C-alpha atoms as a PDB file:
ATOM      1  CA  MET A   1       0.000   0.000   0.000  1.00  0.00           C
ATOM      2  CA  THR A   2       1.517   3.314  -1.056  1.00  0.00           C
ATOM      3  CA  GLY A   3       1.641   6.425   1.061  1.00  0.00           C
ATOM      4  CA  ALA A   4      -0.434   8.355  -1.508  1.00  0.00           C
ATOM      5  CA  PHE A   5      -3.123   5.728  -1.377  1.00  0.00           C
ATOM      6  CA  ASP A   6      -3.132   5.887   2.400  1.00  0.00           C
ATOM      7  CA  VAL A   7      -3.666   9.657   2.362  1.00  0.00           C
ATOM      8  CA  SER A   8      -6.439   9.381  -0.218  1.00  0.00           C
ATOM      9  CA  GLN A   9      -8.188   6.661   1.775  1.00  0.00           C
ATOM     10  CA  LEU A  10      -7.936   8.690   4.969  1.00  0.00           C
ATOM     11  CA  ALA A  11      -9.357  11.769   3.206  1.00  0.00           C
ATOM     12  CA  GLY A  12     -12.326   9.746   1.962  1.00  0.00           C
ATOM     13  CA  LEU A  13     -12.900   8.322   5.429  1.00  0.00           C
ATOM     14  CA  ALA A  14     -12.812  11.806   6.957  1.00  0.00           C
ATOM     15  CA  ALA A  15     -15.279  13.151   4.372  1.00  0.00           C
ATOM     16  CA  VAL A  16     -17.779  10.361   5.052  1.00  0.00           C
ATOM     17  CA  LEU A  17     -17.493  10.884   8.805  1.00  0.00           C
ATOM     18  CA  LEU A  18     -18.079  14.623   8.432  1.00  0.00           C
ATOM     19  CA  LEU A  19     -21.193  13.968   6.323  1.00  0.00           C
ATOM     20  CA  ALA A  20     -22.384  11.513   8.965  1.00  0.00           C
ATOM     21  CA  GLY A  21     -21.957  14.311  11.502  1.00  0.00           C
ATOM     22  CA  VAL A  22     -24.192  16.621   9.471  1.00  0.00           C
ATOM     23  CA  ALA A  23     -26.879  13.945   9.188  1.00  0.00           C
ATOM     24  CA  SER A  24     -26.711  12.978  12.859  1.00  0.00           C
ATOM     25  CA  GLY A  25     -26.960  16.593  14.013  1.00  0.00           C
ATOM     26  CA  LEU A  26     -29.991  17.305  11.854  1.00  0.00           C
ATOM     27  CA  LEU A  27     -31.677  14.118  13.079  1.00  0.00           C
ATOM     28  CA  ALA A  28     -30.867  14.953  16.689  1.00  0.00           C
ATOM     29  CA  GLY A  29     -32.851  18.152  16.451  1.00  0.00           C
ATOM     30  CA  LEU A  30     -35.498  16.946  14.014  1.00  0.00           C
ATOM     31  CA  PHE A  31     -36.519  13.740  15.786  1.00  0.00           C
ATOM     32  CA  GLY A  32     -35.197  14.268  19.325  1.00  0.00           C
ATOM     33  CA  VAL A  33     -32.633  11.507  18.803  1.00  0.00           C
ATOM     34  CA  GLY A  34     -28.890  11.702  19.204  1.00  0.00           C
ATOM     35  CA  GLY A  35     -28.247  10.700  15.597  1.00  0.00           C
ATOM     36  CA  GLY A  36     -27.066   7.213  16.589  1.00  0.00           C
ATOM     37  CA  ALA A  37     -29.428   5.533  14.157  1.00  0.00           C
ATOM     38  CA  VAL A  38     -27.342   7.104  11.385  1.00  0.00           C
ATOM     39  CA  MET A  39     -23.921   6.888  12.991  1.00  0.00           C
ATOM     40  CA  VAL A  40     -24.034   3.240  14.044  1.00  0.00           C
ATOM     41  CA  PRO A  41     -24.585   1.827  10.508  1.00  0.00           C
ATOM     42  CA  VAL A  42     -22.050   4.252   9.000  1.00  0.00           C
ATOM     43  CA  LEU A  43     -19.390   3.563  11.616  1.00  0.00           C
ATOM     44  CA  TYR A  44     -20.024  -0.178  11.403  1.00  0.00           C
ATOM     45  CA  GLN A  45     -19.271  -0.142   7.667  1.00  0.00           C
ATOM     46  CA  LEU A  46     -16.250   2.131   8.038  1.00  0.00           C
ATOM     47  CA  PHE A  47     -14.707  -0.007  10.762  1.00  0.00           C
ATOM     48  CA  ALA A  48     -15.140  -3.050   8.516  1.00  0.00           C
ATOM     49  CA  VAL A  49     -13.358  -1.245   5.650  1.00  0.00           C
ATOM     50  CA  ILE A  50     -10.328  -0.347   7.761  1.00  0.00           C
ATOM     51  CA  GLY A  51     -10.006  -3.912   9.030  1.00  0.00           C
ATOM     52  CA  VAL A  52     -11.461  -3.852  12.546  1.00  0.00           C
ATOM     53  CA  PRO A  53     -12.237  -7.485  13.520  1.00  0.00           C
ATOM     54  CA  SER A  54     -15.901  -8.436  13.081  1.00  0.00           C
ATOM     55  CA  GLU A  55     -16.287  -9.481  16.705  1.00  0.00           C
ATOM     56  CA  VAL A  56     -15.845  -5.876  17.893  1.00  0.00           C
ATOM     57  CA  GLN A  57     -17.087  -3.777  14.923  1.00  0.00           C
ATOM     58  CA  MET A  58     -20.620  -3.382  16.254  1.00  0.00           C
ATOM     59  CA  GLN A  59     -19.579  -2.628  19.821  1.00  0.00           C
ATOM     60  CA  LEU A  60     -17.074  -0.037  18.621  1.00  0.00           C
ATOM     61  CA  ALA A  61     -19.718   1.596  16.424  1.00  0.00           C
ATOM     62  CA  VAL A  62     -22.226   1.720  19.299  1.00  0.00           C
ATOM     63  CA  GLY A  63     -19.737   3.080  21.827  1.00  0.00           C
ATOM     64  CA  THR A  64     -18.420   5.736  19.453  1.00  0.00           C
ATOM     65  CA  SER A  65     -21.966   6.769  18.590  1.00  0.00           C
ATOM     66  CA  LEU A  66     -22.813   7.275  22.262  1.00  0.00           C
ATOM     67  CA  ALA A  67     -19.692   9.432  22.715  1.00  0.00           C
ATOM     68  CA  VAL A  68     -20.676  11.662  19.790  1.00  0.00           C
ATOM     69  CA  ILE A  69     -24.236  11.928  21.107  1.00  0.00           C
ATOM     70  CA  VAL A  70     -23.076  13.620  24.330  1.00  0.00           C
ATOM     71  CA  PRO A  71     -22.625  17.201  23.030  1.00  0.00           C
ATOM     72  CA  THR A  72     -25.224  16.740  20.274  1.00  0.00           C
ATOM     73  CA  SER A  73     -27.901  15.747  22.777  1.00  0.00           C
ATOM     74  CA  VAL A  74     -27.040  18.616  25.105  1.00  0.00           C
ATOM     75  CA  ARG A  75     -27.385  21.167  22.336  1.00  0.00           C
ATOM     76  CA  SER A  76     -30.550  19.564  20.969  1.00  0.00           C
ATOM     77  CA  PHE A  77     -32.100  19.556  24.456  1.00  0.00           C
ATOM     78  CA  MET A  78     -31.314  23.221  24.994  1.00  0.00           C
ATOM     79  CA  ALA A  79     -32.879  24.069  21.631  1.00  0.00           C
ATOM     80  CA  HIS A  80     -36.075  22.176  22.501  1.00  0.00           C
ATOM     81  CA  LEU A  81     -36.228  23.806  25.949  1.00  0.00           C
ATOM     82  CA  GLU A  82     -36.408  27.157  24.199  1.00  0.00           C
ATOM     83  CA  GLN A  83     -39.505  25.896  22.358  1.00  0.00           C
ATOM     84  CA  GLY A  84     -41.135  25.100  25.743  1.00  0.00           C
ATOM     85  CA  ARG A  85     -42.372  21.602  24.839  1.00  0.00           C
ATOM     86  CA  VAL A  86     -40.264  19.413  27.138  1.00  0.00           C
ATOM     87  CA  ASP A  87     -42.278  17.555  29.810  1.00  0.00           C
ATOM     88  CA  ARG A  88     -39.891  18.247  32.672  1.00  0.00           C
ATOM     89  CA  ALA A  89     -41.845  16.271  35.286  1.00  0.00           C
ATOM     90  CA  LEU A  90     -41.827  13.148  33.128  1.00  0.00           C
ATOM     91  CA  LEU A  91     -38.151  13.623  32.364  1.00  0.00           C
ATOM     92  CA  ARG A  92     -37.301  13.807  36.077  1.00  0.00           C
ATOM     93  CA  SER A  93     -39.255  10.633  36.863  1.00  0.00           C
ATOM     94  CA  TRP A  94     -37.367   8.715  34.163  1.00  0.00           C
ATOM     95  CA  ALA A  95     -33.885  10.009  35.003  1.00  0.00           C
ATOM     96  CA  ILE A  96     -32.574   7.526  37.593  1.00  0.00           C
ATOM     97  CA  PRO A  97     -34.043   4.305  36.117  1.00  0.00           C
ATOM     98  CA  THR A  98     -32.794   5.338  32.664  1.00  0.00           C
ATOM     99  CA  VAL A  99     -29.225   5.717  33.907  1.00  0.00           C
ATOM    100  CA  VAL A 100     -29.460   2.333  35.663  1.00  0.00           C
ATOM    101  CA  GLY A 101     -30.653   0.764  32.416  1.00  0.00           C
ATOM    102  CA  VAL A 102     -27.745   2.325  30.515  1.00  0.00           C
ATOM    103  CA  LEU A 103     -25.209   0.924  32.971  1.00  0.00           C
ATOM    104  CA  LEU A 104     -26.796  -2.524  32.650  1.00  0.00           C
ATOM    105  CA  GLY A 105     -26.584  -2.266  28.869  1.00  0.00           C
ATOM    106  CA  THR A 106     -22.893  -1.349  28.913  1.00  0.00           C
ATOM    107  CA  TRP A 107     -22.191  -4.318  31.176  1.00  0.00           C
ATOM    108  CA  ILE A 108     -23.926  -6.616  28.670  1.00  0.00           C
ATOM    109  CA  ALA A 109     -21.798  -5.052  25.929  1.00  0.00           C
ATOM    110  CA  SER A 110     -18.666  -6.423  27.566  1.00  0.00           C
ATOM    111  CA  PHE A 111     -19.594  -9.998  26.598  1.00  0.00           C
ATOM    112  CA  ALA A 112     -22.577 -10.038  24.181  1.00  0.00           C
ATOM    113  CA  PRO A 113     -22.045 -11.067  20.499  1.00  0.00           C
ATOM    114  CA  PRO A 114     -22.619  -8.494  17.712  1.00  0.00           C
ATOM    115  CA  ALA A 115     -25.921 -10.080  16.639  1.00  0.00           C
ATOM    116  CA  VAL A 116     -27.523  -9.029  19.951  1.00  0.00           C
ATOM    117  CA  PHE A 117     -26.920  -5.347  19.224  1.00  0.00           C
ATOM    118  CA  LYS A 118     -28.158  -5.648  15.636  1.00  0.00           C
ATOM    119  CA  LEU A 119     -31.374  -7.491  16.505  1.00  0.00           C
ATOM    120  CA  VAL A 120     -32.239  -5.039  19.284  1.00  0.00           C
ATOM    121  CA  PHE A 121     -31.751  -2.241  16.755  1.00  0.00           C
ATOM    122  CA  VAL A 122     -34.022  -3.942  14.195  1.00  0.00           C
ATOM    123  CA  PHE A 123     -36.778  -4.698  16.710  1.00  0.00           C
ATOM    124  CA  VAL A 124     -37.051  -1.201  18.163  1.00  0.00           C
ATOM    125  CA  ALA A 125     -36.676   0.535  14.800  1.00  0.00           C
ATOM    126  CA  TRP A 126     -39.384  -1.507  13.083  1.00  0.00           C
ATOM    127  CA  VAL A 127     -41.893  -1.419  15.930  1.00  0.00           C
ATOM    128  CA  THR A 128     -41.526   2.346  16.038  1.00  0.00           C
ATOM    129  CA  ALA A 129     -41.774   2.675  12.251  1.00  0.00           C
ATOM    130  CA  ILE A 130     -44.974   0.590  12.128  1.00  0.00           C
ATOM    131  CA  LYS A 131     -46.563   2.620  14.881  1.00  0.00           C
ATOM    132  CA  LEU A 132     -45.694   5.979  13.335  1.00  0.00           C
ATOM    133  CA  GLY A 133     -46.305   4.996   9.725  1.00  0.00           C
ATOM    134  CA  PHE A 134     -49.516   2.976  10.010  1.00  0.00           C
ATOM    135  CA  GLY A 135     -50.766   3.592  13.530  1.00  0.00           C
ATOM    136  CA  ARG A 136     -54.162   5.035  14.270  1.00  0.00           C
ATOM    137  CA  VAL A 137     -55.418   7.106  17.158  1.00  0.00           C
ATOM    138  CA  SER A 138     -56.958   3.935  18.592  1.00  0.00           C
ATOM    139  CA  TRP A 139     -53.485   2.381  18.847  1.00  0.00           C
ATOM    140  CA  LYS A 140     -52.705   3.362  22.401  1.00  0.00           C
ATOM    141  CA  LEU A 141     -52.037   1.679  25.709  1.00  0.00           C
ATOM    142  CA  ALA A 142     -53.255   4.517  27.924  1.00  0.00           C
ATOM    143  CA  ASP A 143     -54.767   7.983  27.800  1.00  0.00           C
ATOM    144  CA  ASP A 144     -51.569   9.348  29.331  1.00  0.00           C
ATOM    145  CA  VAL A 145     -48.177   8.146  30.541  1.00  0.00           C
ATOM    146  CA  PRO A 146     -48.894   6.039  33.669  1.00  0.00           C
ATOM    147  CA  GLY A 147     -47.377   6.756  37.060  1.00  0.00           C
ATOM    148  CA  GLU A 148     -45.185   4.525  39.200  1.00  0.00           C
ATOM    149  CA  PRO A 149     -44.058   1.776  39.063  1.00  0.00           C
ATOM    150  CA  TRP A 150     -44.535   1.859  35.282  1.00  0.00           C
ATOM    151  CA  ARG A 151     -42.452   4.995  34.834  1.00  0.00           C
ATOM    152  CA  THR A 152     -39.502   3.284  36.496  1.00  0.00           C
ATOM    153  CA  VAL A 153     -39.916   0.264  34.213  1.00  0.00           C
ATOM    154  CA  MET A 154     -40.145   2.502  31.148  1.00  0.00           C
ATOM    155  CA  GLY A 155     -37.010   4.403  32.101  1.00  0.00           C
ATOM    156  CA  LEU A 156     -35.089   1.199  32.801  1.00  0.00           C
ATOM    157  CA  VAL A 157     -36.047  -0.383  29.471  1.00  0.00           C
ATOM    158  CA  THR A 158     -35.327   2.827  27.571  1.00  0.00           C
ATOM    159  CA  GLY A 159     -31.843   3.081  29.047  1.00  0.00           C
ATOM    160  CA  LEU A 160     -31.059  -0.607  28.452  1.00  0.00           C
ATOM    161  CA  LEU A 161     -32.179  -0.725  24.822  1.00  0.00           C
ATOM    162  CA  SER A 162     -30.598   2.625  24.004  1.00  0.00           C
ATOM    163  CA  ALA A 163     -27.234   1.482  25.364  1.00  0.00           C
ATOM    164  CA  LEU A 164     -27.389  -1.652  23.203  1.00  0.00           C
ATOM    165  CA  MET A 165     -28.389   0.330  20.087  1.00  0.00           C
ATOM    166  CA  GLY A 166     -26.009   3.270  20.467  1.00  0.00           C
ATOM    167  CA  ILE A 167     -28.820   5.821  20.363  1.00  0.00           C
ATOM    168  CA  GLY A 168     -29.957   8.657  22.585  1.00  0.00           C
ATOM    169  CA  GLY A 169     -33.331   7.059  23.316  1.00  0.00           C
ATOM    170  CA  GLY A 170     -35.416   9.174  20.948  1.00  0.00           C
ATOM    171  CA  SER A 171     -36.871   6.231  19.022  1.00  0.00           C
ATOM    172  CA  ILE A 172     -37.963   4.466  22.205  1.00  0.00           C
ATOM    173  CA  VAL A 173     -39.286   7.550  23.985  1.00  0.00           C
ATOM    174  CA  ASN A 174     -41.280   8.567  20.919  1.00  0.00           C
ATOM    175  CA  LEU A 175     -42.775   5.071  20.786  1.00  0.00           C
ATOM    176  CA  ILE A 176     -43.729   5.064  24.478  1.00  0.00           C
ATOM    177  CA  MET A 177     -45.203   8.552  24.467  1.00  0.00           C
ATOM    178  CA  SER A 178     -47.155   8.004  21.245  1.00  0.00           C
ATOM    179  CA  PHE A 179     -48.728   4.851  22.717  1.00  0.00           C
ATOM    180  CA  CYS A 180     -49.640   6.987  25.740  1.00  0.00           C
ATOM    181  CA  ASN A 181     -51.480   9.609  23.718  1.00  0.00           C
ATOM    182  CA  ARG A 182     -48.791  12.299  23.820  1.00  0.00           C
ATOM    183  CA  PRO A 183     -48.261  14.570  20.761  1.00  0.00           C
ATOM    184  CA  ILE A 184     -45.211  13.863  18.599  1.00  0.00           C
ATOM    185  CA  HIS A 185     -43.689  17.321  19.102  1.00  0.00           C
ATOM    186  CA  GLN A 186     -43.734  16.924  22.882  1.00  0.00           C
ATOM    187  CA  SER A 187     -42.303  13.406  22.536  1.00  0.00           C
ATOM    188  CA  VAL A 188     -39.452  14.675  20.385  1.00  0.00           C
ATOM    189  CA  ALA A 189     -38.640  17.479  22.821  1.00  0.00           C
ATOM    190  CA  THR A 190     -38.734  15.248  25.915  1.00  0.00           C
ATOM    191  CA  ALA A 191     -36.659  12.562  24.178  1.00  0.00           C
ATOM    192  CA  SER A 192     -33.882  15.071  23.602  1.00  0.00           C
ATOM    193  CA  GLY A 193     -33.496  15.413  27.385  1.00  0.00           C
ATOM    194  CA  LEU A 194     -33.165  11.680  27.910  1.00  0.00           C
ATOM    195  CA  GLY A 195     -30.445  11.679  25.267  1.00  0.00           C
ATOM    196  CA  VAL A 196     -28.227  13.580  27.689  1.00  0.00           C
ATOM    197  CA  LEU A 197     -28.890  11.068  30.501  1.00  0.00           C
ATOM    198  CA  ILE A 198     -28.196   8.118  28.202  1.00  0.00           C
ATOM    199  CA  SER A 199     -25.150   9.294  26.272  1.00  0.00           C
ATOM    200  CA  ILE A 200     -22.843  10.325  29.114  1.00  0.00           C
ATOM    201  CA  PRO A 201     -22.935   7.124  31.232  1.00  0.00           C
ATOM    202  CA  GLY A 202     -23.249   5.108  28.018  1.00  0.00           C
ATOM    203  CA  ALA A 203     -20.003   6.440  26.540  1.00  0.00           C
ATOM    204  CA  ILE A 204     -18.145   5.951  29.820  1.00  0.00           C
ATOM    205  CA  GLY A 205     -19.552   2.441  30.161  1.00  0.00           C
ATOM    206  CA  TYR A 206     -18.429   1.433  26.655  1.00  0.00           C
ATOM    207  CA  MET A 207     -14.936   2.728  27.366  1.00  0.00           C
ATOM    208  CA  TRP A 208     -14.852   0.346  30.319  1.00  0.00           C
ATOM    209  CA  ALA A 209     -16.565  -2.549  28.503  1.00  0.00           C
ATOM    210  CA  GLY A 210     -13.962  -2.655  25.736  1.00  0.00           C
ATOM    211  CA  GLY A 211     -10.950  -2.638  28.020  1.00  0.00           C
ATOM    212  CA  ALA A 212     -10.376  -6.376  27.688  1.00  0.00           C
ATOM    213  CA  GLN A 213     -10.537  -6.176  23.864  1.00  0.00           C
ATOM    214  CA  ALA A 214      -7.775  -3.586  23.440  1.00  0.00           C
ATOM    215  CA  ALA A 215      -5.695  -5.860  21.177  1.00  0.00           C
ATOM    216  CA  LEU A 216      -8.553  -6.011  18.617  1.00  0.00           C
ATOM    217  CA  LEU A 217      -9.345  -2.299  18.563  1.00  0.00           C
ATOM    218  CA  PRO A 218      -7.875   0.342  16.203  1.00  0.00           C
ATOM    219  CA  PRO A 219      -5.402   3.017  17.361  1.00  0.00           C
ATOM    220  CA  LEU A 220      -6.779   6.058  19.181  1.00  0.00           C
ATOM    221  CA  SER A 221      -9.513   4.044  20.880  1.00  0.00           C
ATOM    222  CA  ILE A 222     -10.452   3.972  24.548  1.00  0.00           C
ATOM    223  CA  GLY A 223     -12.318   0.713  25.022  1.00  0.00           C
ATOM    224  CA  PHE A 224     -15.217   0.591  22.579  1.00  0.00           C
ATOM    225  CA  VAL A 225     -14.952   4.312  21.741  1.00  0.00           C
ATOM    226  CA  SER A 226     -12.963   5.479  18.700  1.00  0.00           C
ATOM    227  CA  LEU A 227     -11.582   8.911  19.497  1.00  0.00           C
ATOM    228  CA  LEU A 228     -10.839   9.541  15.798  1.00  0.00           C
ATOM    229  CA  GLY A 229     -14.402   8.748  14.757  1.00  0.00           C
ATOM    230  CA  ALA A 230     -15.854  10.881  17.539  1.00  0.00           C
ATOM    231  CA  ALA A 231     -13.547  13.818  16.778  1.00  0.00           C
ATOM    232  CA  LEU A 232     -14.520  13.904  13.097  1.00  0.00           C
ATOM    233  CA  ILE A 233     -18.283  13.503  13.549  1.00  0.00           C
ATOM    234  CA  MET A 234     -18.776  15.684  16.599  1.00  0.00           C
ATOM    235  CA  PRO A 235     -18.216  19.246  15.264  1.00  0.00           C
ATOM    236  CA  THR A 236     -20.695  19.119  12.382  1.00  0.00           C
ATOM    237  CA  SER A 237     -23.161  17.181  14.528  1.00  0.00           C
ATOM    238  CA  ILE A 238     -23.161  19.894  17.205  1.00  0.00           C
ATOM    239  CA  TYR A 239     -23.532  22.664  14.634  1.00  0.00           C
ATOM    240  CA  CYS A 240     -26.495  21.062  12.832  1.00  0.00           C
ATOM    241  CA  ALA A 241     -28.572  19.982  15.866  1.00  0.00           C
ATOM    242  CA  PRO A 242     -30.323  23.366  16.403  1.00  0.00           C
ATOM    243  CA  ILE A 243     -31.170  23.533  12.688  1.00  0.00           C
ATOM    244  CA  GLY A 244     -32.997  20.221  12.956  1.00  0.00           C
ATOM    245  CA  ALA A 245     -34.820  21.354  16.103  1.00  0.00           C
ATOM    246  CA  ARG A 246     -36.130  24.472  14.377  1.00  0.00           C
ATOM    247  CA  LEU A 247     -37.218  22.417  11.377  1.00  0.00           C
ATOM    248  CA  ALA A 248     -39.112  19.968  13.616  1.00  0.00           C
ATOM    249  CA  HIS A 249     -41.383  22.695  14.935  1.00  0.00           C
ATOM    250  CA  ARG A 250     -42.221  23.869  11.411  1.00  0.00           C
ATOM    251  CA  LEU A 251     -43.355  20.474  10.120  1.00  0.00           C
ATOM    252  CA  SER A 252     -46.871  19.115  10.438  1.00  0.00           C
ATOM    253  CA  LYS A 253     -47.465  16.260  12.882  1.00  0.00           C
ATOM    254  CA  ARG A 254     -48.165  13.726  10.134  1.00  0.00           C
ATOM    255  CA  ARG A 255     -45.193  14.715   8.004  1.00  0.00           C
ATOM    256  CA  LEU A 256     -42.872  14.380  10.983  1.00  0.00           C
ATOM    257  CA  GLU A 257     -44.267  10.931  11.811  1.00  0.00           C
ATOM    258  CA  ILE A 258     -43.938   9.619   8.245  1.00  0.00           C
ATOM    259  CA  SER A 259     -40.398  10.952   7.865  1.00  0.00           C
ATOM    260  CA  PHE A 260     -39.329   9.301  11.112  1.00  0.00           C
ATOM    261  CA  ALA A 261     -41.025   5.992  10.157  1.00  0.00           C
ATOM    262  CA  VAL A 262     -39.298   5.763   6.756  1.00  0.00           C
ATOM    263  CA  PHE A 263     -35.936   6.535   8.268  1.00  0.00           C
ATOM    264  CA  LEU A 264     -36.237   3.895  11.007  1.00  0.00           C
ATOM    265  CA  ALA A 265     -37.514   1.208   8.618  1.00  0.00           C
ATOM    266  CA  ALA A 266     -34.520   1.681   6.322  1.00  0.00           C
ATOM    267  CA  MET A 267     -32.005   1.483   9.151  1.00  0.00           C
ATOM    268  CA  GLY A 268     -33.656  -1.627  10.588  1.00  0.00           C
ATOM    269  CA  LEU A 269     -33.524  -3.363   7.209  1.00  0.00           C
ATOM    270  CA  ARG A 270     -29.835  -2.562   6.901  1.00  0.00           C
ATOM    271  CA  PHE A 271     -28.981  -4.408  10.111  1.00  0.00           C
ATOM    272  CA  LEU A 272     -31.311  -7.335   9.526  1.00  0.00           C
ATOM    273  CA  VAL A 273     -29.579  -8.007   6.206  1.00  0.00           C
ATOM    274  CA  SER A 274     -26.201  -8.019   7.966  1.00  0.00           C
ATOM    275  CA  VAL A 275     -27.404 -10.655  10.476  1.00  0.00           C
ATOM    276  CA  LEU A 276     -28.886 -13.027   7.874  1.00  0.00           C
END
C-alpha cells in the first residue's frame, strides 16, 4: 500500500465521517434523537473497511456513537427547551431508572455477540416505524403516561435498549409517548433530554466494557470508543442539531411521523440483512 493511497483513503474516510456528523446533528434536532441511528450503521461499515475485527465492529460503532451523542444531545435539548415543549416532570421521573438501564446495557456489551446489538436495533426501529407509519389514534395503551411503578420500568427499558443500540433514546421515547397519547412534538422534545442522561454514562460504560478487547481495537480508541471517529463527527453534529430542532417545529405532525417511520424502517432493514 503506497503512502499516496493511504492519504487518499484517509481523506475519503474523513469526508464520510463529516457527512455523517451533518446527518446525525440534523436528526438529533429533528426527531429528538442523538443521531445514533445514522452513525451506528455508517461507523459499522467504516470499521469493517479499515479492518477492525468483526467481533468488535458493532460494539465499537455503538460506543463511538454514544460518545458523539453527548454534546449533540445537550445542544438539541437546549434548543427544545427554548420551544417550551419538554415535559420536565416526566423527564425527572425517568432520570434515575434510565441511567441504571444504561449501565446494565454497557455491562452486557462487555460480553454479548454483535448479533444481539443488531437485533435489538431492528426490533425497536421496526416497531416504532410501524406505529408511526400505520398507527391510528386507537393504537394506544393509555390515555396518558402512567405513574409509578410503570415509569420506572419505562425508564429502565429505555436506558437498556438505548445502550445496546447506540442511540440517545429518541426512538424508544417517541414510541412510548405516542402509545400513551402524547403529541409527537412533545415526545421529540422530551426525548432530547433523555439523550443527555443516556449518552454520558453510556459512553463511559463502553470505554470500560472494551478494556479487555484492546488488542482487537484500532489506534486512538479507549475501550469501545474510537476517538478519531468521535472527533470527526462531533463538530458538524453539534452545529447542525439546532437547525434540525427548528425544522421539527415547522413540520406538520403527520409529516414528521412519516419521515421518522421511513428513516427507522430503512435502518432496521440494513442491520437485519447483515445478520442473515
